[in-house]
N, C-alpha and C. Protein backbone atom coordinates (compact mmCIF):
# COMPACT_ATOMS: atom_id res chain seq x y z
N MET A 1 -11.91 15.76 7.11
CA MET A 1 -11.47 14.70 6.23
C MET A 1 -10.14 14.16 6.77
N ILE A 2 -9.98 12.88 6.66
CA ILE A 2 -8.74 12.20 7.07
C ILE A 2 -7.95 11.81 5.83
N LYS A 3 -6.67 12.15 5.81
CA LYS A 3 -5.77 11.76 4.72
C LYS A 3 -4.64 10.93 5.32
N VAL A 4 -4.54 9.67 4.91
CA VAL A 4 -3.45 8.81 5.35
C VAL A 4 -2.19 9.29 4.64
N THR A 5 -1.13 9.53 5.41
CA THR A 5 0.10 10.06 4.83
C THR A 5 1.22 9.02 4.74
N ASN A 6 1.07 7.92 5.49
CA ASN A 6 2.09 6.87 5.43
C ASN A 6 1.53 5.63 6.12
N PHE A 7 1.99 4.46 5.71
CA PHE A 7 1.65 3.24 6.44
C PHE A 7 2.70 2.18 6.19
N ASN A 8 2.79 1.22 7.10
CA ASN A 8 3.67 0.08 6.91
C ASN A 8 3.08 -1.12 7.64
N SER A 9 3.55 -2.28 7.28
CA SER A 9 3.12 -3.50 7.97
C SER A 9 4.36 -4.20 8.48
N GLN A 10 4.18 -4.88 9.59
CA GLN A 10 5.29 -5.61 10.18
C GLN A 10 4.76 -6.83 10.92
N ILE A 11 5.56 -7.88 10.91
CA ILE A 11 5.21 -9.09 11.63
C ILE A 11 5.69 -8.91 13.07
N VAL A 12 4.76 -9.04 14.00
CA VAL A 12 5.08 -8.93 15.43
C VAL A 12 4.56 -10.19 16.13
N GLN A 13 4.85 -10.31 17.40
CA GLN A 13 4.45 -11.50 18.15
C GLN A 13 2.94 -11.75 18.08
N GLU A 14 2.15 -10.68 18.07
CA GLU A 14 0.69 -10.83 18.07
C GLU A 14 0.10 -11.13 16.71
N GLY A 15 0.88 -10.93 15.64
CA GLY A 15 0.40 -11.15 14.27
C GLY A 15 0.98 -10.11 13.34
N THR A 16 0.21 -9.67 12.37
CA THR A 16 0.65 -8.64 11.43
C THR A 16 0.08 -7.30 11.88
N ARG A 17 0.97 -6.36 12.11
CA ARG A 17 0.57 -5.04 12.58
C ARG A 17 0.66 -4.04 11.42
N ILE A 18 -0.37 -3.24 11.28
CA ILE A 18 -0.32 -2.10 10.38
C ILE A 18 -0.23 -0.85 11.24
N SER A 19 0.78 -0.04 10.97
CA SER A 19 0.95 1.25 11.62
C SER A 19 0.77 2.31 10.55
N TYR A 20 0.12 3.41 10.90
CA TYR A 20 -0.09 4.46 9.92
C TYR A 20 -0.13 5.83 10.56
N THR A 21 0.18 6.83 9.75
CA THR A 21 0.05 8.22 10.16
C THR A 21 -0.96 8.89 9.26
N TYR A 22 -1.59 9.92 9.79
CA TYR A 22 -2.60 10.62 9.01
C TYR A 22 -2.70 12.08 9.45
N SER A 23 -3.25 12.88 8.56
CA SER A 23 -3.55 14.28 8.84
C SER A 23 -5.05 14.46 8.81
N GLU A 24 -5.53 15.40 9.57
CA GLU A 24 -6.95 15.73 9.58
C GLU A 24 -7.11 17.12 8.97
N LEU A 25 -7.99 17.22 7.95
CA LEU A 25 -8.22 18.47 7.25
C LEU A 25 -9.66 18.92 7.47
N ASN A 26 -9.87 20.25 7.50
CA ASN A 26 -11.26 20.74 7.58
C ASN A 26 -11.81 20.89 6.17
N ASP A 27 -13.05 21.35 6.05
CA ASP A 27 -13.71 21.46 4.74
C ASP A 27 -13.01 22.44 3.81
N SER A 28 -12.23 23.36 4.35
CA SER A 28 -11.50 24.33 3.53
C SER A 28 -10.14 23.81 3.09
N GLY A 29 -9.78 22.64 3.57
CA GLY A 29 -8.47 22.07 3.22
C GLY A 29 -7.37 22.46 4.19
N ASP A 30 -7.72 23.19 5.26
CA ASP A 30 -6.72 23.56 6.25
C ASP A 30 -6.38 22.35 7.12
N ILE A 31 -5.12 22.22 7.47
CA ILE A 31 -4.68 21.12 8.32
C ILE A 31 -5.09 21.42 9.76
N VAL A 32 -5.92 20.56 10.31
CA VAL A 32 -6.37 20.69 11.69
C VAL A 32 -5.38 20.01 12.63
N SER A 33 -4.91 18.82 12.23
CA SER A 33 -3.87 18.11 12.98
C SER A 33 -3.09 17.26 11.99
N SER A 34 -1.83 17.02 12.32
CA SER A 34 -1.01 16.21 11.43
C SER A 34 -0.12 15.28 12.24
N ASN A 35 0.47 14.33 11.55
CA ASN A 35 1.37 13.35 12.15
C ASN A 35 0.69 12.56 13.27
N ASN A 36 -0.61 12.32 13.11
CA ASN A 36 -1.34 11.46 14.04
C ASN A 36 -0.98 10.02 13.74
N ARG A 37 -0.85 9.19 14.76
CA ARG A 37 -0.40 7.81 14.56
C ARG A 37 -1.36 6.83 15.20
N LYS A 38 -1.56 5.72 14.50
CA LYS A 38 -2.36 4.62 15.02
C LYS A 38 -1.78 3.30 14.50
N SER A 39 -2.12 2.22 15.16
CA SER A 39 -1.72 0.89 14.68
C SER A 39 -2.75 -0.12 15.17
N PHE A 40 -2.76 -1.28 14.50
CA PHE A 40 -3.67 -2.35 14.88
C PHE A 40 -3.15 -3.66 14.33
N ILE A 41 -3.62 -4.75 14.91
CA ILE A 41 -3.30 -6.09 14.43
C ILE A 41 -4.35 -6.48 13.41
N VAL A 42 -3.91 -6.92 12.23
CA VAL A 42 -4.83 -7.28 11.15
C VAL A 42 -5.46 -8.64 11.46
N ARG A 43 -6.78 -8.68 11.46
CA ARG A 43 -7.51 -9.93 11.69
C ARG A 43 -8.25 -10.39 10.44
N ASP A 44 -8.40 -9.51 9.48
CA ASP A 44 -9.16 -9.78 8.25
C ASP A 44 -8.28 -10.55 7.26
N GLU A 45 -8.70 -11.74 6.88
CA GLU A 45 -7.92 -12.58 5.95
C GLU A 45 -7.74 -11.92 4.59
N LEU A 46 -8.73 -11.19 4.12
CA LEU A 46 -8.62 -10.50 2.83
C LEU A 46 -7.46 -9.50 2.86
N ILE A 47 -7.37 -8.73 3.93
CA ILE A 47 -6.28 -7.74 4.05
C ILE A 47 -4.94 -8.45 4.19
N LEU A 48 -4.89 -9.52 4.98
CA LEU A 48 -3.63 -10.27 5.12
C LEU A 48 -3.16 -10.79 3.76
N ASN A 49 -4.09 -11.28 2.95
CA ASN A 49 -3.72 -11.76 1.61
C ASN A 49 -3.24 -10.62 0.72
N LYS A 50 -3.86 -9.45 0.82
CA LYS A 50 -3.41 -8.30 0.03
C LYS A 50 -2.00 -7.89 0.43
N LEU A 51 -1.71 -7.92 1.73
CA LEU A 51 -0.36 -7.59 2.19
C LEU A 51 0.66 -8.59 1.64
N LYS A 52 0.28 -9.88 1.59
CA LYS A 52 1.17 -10.89 1.01
C LYS A 52 1.41 -10.62 -0.47
N GLU A 53 0.36 -10.20 -1.19
CA GLU A 53 0.51 -9.87 -2.60
C GLU A 53 1.46 -8.70 -2.80
N ILE A 54 1.37 -7.70 -1.96
CA ILE A 54 2.26 -6.54 -2.06
C ILE A 54 3.70 -6.97 -1.79
N LYS A 55 3.90 -7.80 -0.76
CA LYS A 55 5.25 -8.27 -0.44
C LYS A 55 5.83 -9.07 -1.61
N THR A 56 5.04 -9.96 -2.19
CA THR A 56 5.49 -10.74 -3.34
C THR A 56 5.84 -9.84 -4.52
N TYR A 57 5.00 -8.84 -4.78
CA TYR A 57 5.26 -7.89 -5.86
C TYR A 57 6.60 -7.21 -5.65
N LEU A 58 6.84 -6.74 -4.43
CA LEU A 58 8.09 -6.04 -4.14
C LEU A 58 9.29 -6.96 -4.25
N GLU A 59 9.17 -8.19 -3.79
CA GLU A 59 10.27 -9.14 -3.90
C GLU A 59 10.59 -9.46 -5.35
N ASN A 60 9.58 -9.54 -6.20
CA ASN A 60 9.82 -9.81 -7.62
C ASN A 60 10.36 -8.60 -8.35
N LYS A 61 10.14 -7.42 -7.82
CA LYS A 61 10.62 -6.18 -8.43
C LYS A 61 12.12 -5.99 -8.24
N VAL A 62 12.66 -6.56 -7.15
CA VAL A 62 14.07 -6.38 -6.81
C VAL A 62 14.96 -7.08 -7.81
């Protein structure tokens, strides 16, 4: 099982990048690996809109 432990988004030259870390657990719940990292450029408009909604929410919260 994969458990995402953290993520963030940032505007970069190529577009909007999501970077995240995750842990991998076995069926018993033991940690097989942790602090694994991946990132990608978001191409899906639905996800880009959700990220904008989150940013707006946070800006209004301040």
